[in-house]
Amino acid sequence: MTSQSAAERFLKKIAVGADDECWPWRGVRNSKGYGYFFLHGIMRKAHRIVFHLRVGFLPRDLFVCHACDNPACCNPRHLFAGTHRDNMLDKMLKGRHLTKLTWAQVDAIRRSAEPSLVLAERYGVCNSQIYKIRTGKQWKSAA
């Protein structure tokens, strides 16, 4: 019995369509919709593998961004490399930067002595979001 190469296994999980269409990942996805593939003993993001196969080496500090805003898409024509700043700017320009919190809520979180888990549940955000607000890592203008 001949075993499939990793490349063959990987490519079978992409639903290739027309050049301008999204090519959805049909394998394992995380809760945000990004595809993952087990390669050389490590779970790797499918769109980064596609980008690497198409373009070549990509430094770890660069993101592979989706022009189509479809996290499952593996069409190399929809992918581009960028910094974290590039990715956030792309997100803002496309109107995906909407938040659940208001400035008044951020101020209340900062003044509250309640545990982060309680605040996270109250405001419908994750515990790490409360931490980032309290430490000034996010919502800096309100600090």
Protein backbone atom coordinates (compact mmCIF):
# COMPACT_ATOMS: atom_id res chain seq x y z
CA MET A 1 0.00 0.00 0.00
CA THR A 2 1.39 3.39 -0.99
CA SER A 3 1.05 6.13 1.58
CA GLN A 4 0.03 9.59 0.46
CA SER A 5 2.52 12.42 0.78
CA ALA A 6 1.69 15.27 3.12
CA ALA A 7 1.20 17.52 0.08
CA GLU A 8 -1.34 15.12 -1.43
CA ARG A 9 -3.24 14.83 1.86
CA PHE A 10 -3.20 18.62 2.24
CA LEU A 11 -4.39 19.44 -1.27
CA LYS A 12 -7.29 16.97 -1.01
CA LYS A 13 -8.74 19.11 1.79
CA ILE A 14 -9.13 22.22 -0.41
CA ALA A 15 -12.30 22.63 -2.48
CA VAL A 16 -10.69 24.28 -5.50
CA GLY A 17 -13.02 26.39 -7.61
CA ALA A 18 -12.73 29.15 -10.18
CA ASP A 19 -9.79 31.56 -9.91
CA ASP A 20 -11.91 34.36 -8.43
CA GLU A 21 -13.86 32.15 -5.97
CA CYS A 22 -12.96 31.23 -2.41
CA TRP A 23 -11.47 27.76 -2.08
CA PRO A 24 -12.77 26.56 1.29
CA TRP A 25 -10.75 24.31 3.59
CA ARG A 26 -12.64 21.05 4.15
CA GLY A 27 -10.50 19.78 7.00
CA VAL A 28 -10.29 20.69 10.67
CA ARG A 29 -11.20 24.30 11.52
CA ASN A 30 -10.93 26.27 14.73
CA SER A 31 -13.79 28.22 16.31
CA LYS A 32 -13.01 31.26 14.11
CA GLY A 33 -13.17 29.21 10.91
CA TYR A 34 -9.44 28.97 10.14
CA GLY A 35 -8.29 25.67 8.69
CA TYR A 36 -5.58 23.57 10.36
CA PHE A 37 -3.42 20.75 9.05
CA PHE A 38 -1.05 18.45 10.94
CA LEU A 39 2.33 18.75 9.19
CA HIS A 40 5.71 17.52 10.44
CA GLY A 41 4.30 16.97 13.92
CA ILE A 42 2.78 20.45 14.25
CA MET A 43 -0.73 21.80 13.70
CA ARG A 44 -0.33 24.58 11.13
CA LYS A 45 -2.75 27.08 9.66
CA ALA A 46 -3.89 25.93 6.22
CA HIS A 47 -3.82 29.37 4.62
CA ARG A 48 -0.20 29.88 5.76
CA ILE A 49 0.75 26.53 4.17
CA VAL A 50 -0.92 27.59 0.90
CA PHE A 51 0.87 30.92 0.98
CA HIS A 52 4.19 29.20 1.65
CA LEU A 53 3.65 26.77 -1.24
CA ARG A 54 2.73 29.61 -3.62
CA VAL A 55 5.17 32.35 -2.55
CA GLY A 56 7.82 30.68 -0.44
CA PHE A 57 9.24 31.45 2.98
CA LEU A 58 7.21 33.76 5.21
CA PRO A 59 8.69 35.16 8.43
CA ARG A 60 6.72 34.22 11.56
CA ASP A 61 6.09 37.89 12.39
CA LEU A 62 4.10 38.39 9.18
CA PHE A 63 0.45 37.50 8.85
CA VAL A 64 -1.22 35.84 5.89
CA CYS A 65 -4.31 37.98 5.41
CA HIS A 66 -7.48 37.16 3.50
CA ALA A 67 -8.55 39.76 0.93
CA CYS A 68 -11.90 37.91 0.81
CA ASP A 69 -12.39 37.96 4.62
CA ASN A 70 -13.17 34.24 4.56
CA PRO A 71 -10.93 32.54 7.16
CA ALA A 72 -11.47 29.11 5.56
CA CYS A 73 -10.35 30.31 2.11
CA CYS A 74 -7.20 28.73 0.67
CA ASN A 75 -7.24 30.42 -2.74
CA PRO A 76 -3.71 31.85 -3.06
CA ARG A 77 -5.10 34.76 -5.10
CA HIS A 78 -7.09 35.83 -2.03
CA LEU A 79 -4.08 35.78 0.32
CA PHE A 80 -1.50 38.47 0.98
CA ALA A 81 1.31 38.94 3.50
CA GLY A 82 1.23 41.80 5.95
CA THR A 83 2.20 42.98 9.40
CA HIS A 84 -0.18 43.02 12.34
CA ARG A 85 -0.75 46.71 11.57
CA ASP A 86 -1.60 45.89 7.93
CA ASN A 87 -4.07 43.26 9.09
CA MET A 88 -5.76 45.64 11.55
CA LEU A 89 -5.95 48.41 8.94
CA ASP A 90 -7.51 45.98 6.45
CA LYS A 91 -10.01 44.97 9.13
CA MET A 92 -10.92 48.61 9.86
CA LEU A 93 -11.25 49.56 6.19
CA LYS A 94 -13.68 46.68 5.69
CA GLY A 95 -15.75 47.57 8.76
CA ARG A 96 -14.87 44.47 10.78
CA HIS A 97 -13.53 46.43 13.76
CA LEU A 98 -16.86 46.80 15.51
CA THR A 99 -16.76 46.24 19.23
CA LYS A 100 -19.17 45.04 21.86
CA LEU A 101 -18.09 47.66 24.41
CA THR A 102 -18.61 51.38 24.76
CA TRP A 103 -16.18 53.90 26.27
CA ALA A 104 -18.45 54.12 29.33
CA GLN A 105 -18.26 50.35 29.82
CA VAL A 106 -14.47 50.41 29.45
CA ASP A 107 -14.29 53.13 32.10
CA ALA A 108 -16.55 51.08 34.40
CA ILE A 109 -14.34 48.00 33.89
CA ARG A 110 -11.23 49.99 34.81
CA ARG A 111 -12.85 51.38 37.99
CA SER A 112 -14.37 48.08 39.10
CA ALA A 113 -12.79 45.96 41.83
CA GLU A 114 -14.78 42.91 40.72
CA PRO A 115 -12.91 39.85 39.42
CA SER A 116 -12.20 39.76 35.70
CA LEU A 117 -14.29 36.63 35.20
CA VAL A 118 -17.36 38.38 36.64
CA LEU A 119 -16.83 41.41 34.39
CA ALA A 120 -16.19 39.25 31.34
CA GLU A 121 -19.50 37.46 31.83
CA ARG A 122 -21.37 40.71 32.47
CA TYR A 123 -20.09 42.43 29.33
CA GLY A 124 -20.03 39.36 27.06
CA VAL A 125 -16.30 39.41 26.37
CA CYS A 126 -13.48 37.04 27.28
CA ASN A 127 -11.40 37.30 30.43
CA SER A 128 -8.31 38.27 28.41
CA GLN A 129 -10.21 41.27 27.01
CA ILE A 130 -10.86 42.53 30.54
CA TYR A 131 -7.17 42.09 31.37
CA LYS A 132 -6.11 44.03 28.27
CA ILE A 133 -8.51 46.87 29.11
CA ARG A 134 -7.32 47.06 32.73
CA THR A 135 -3.65 47.06 31.75
CA GLY A 136 -4.09 49.61 28.96
CA LYS A 137 -3.11 47.18 26.20
CA GLN A 138 -6.46 47.93 24.53
CA TRP A 139 -8.70 50.98 24.55
CA LYS A 140 -5.63 53.16 25.15
CA SER A 141 -7.39 56.43 24.37
CA ALA A 142 -9.69 55.91 27.34
CA ALA A 143 -6.80 55.38 29.77
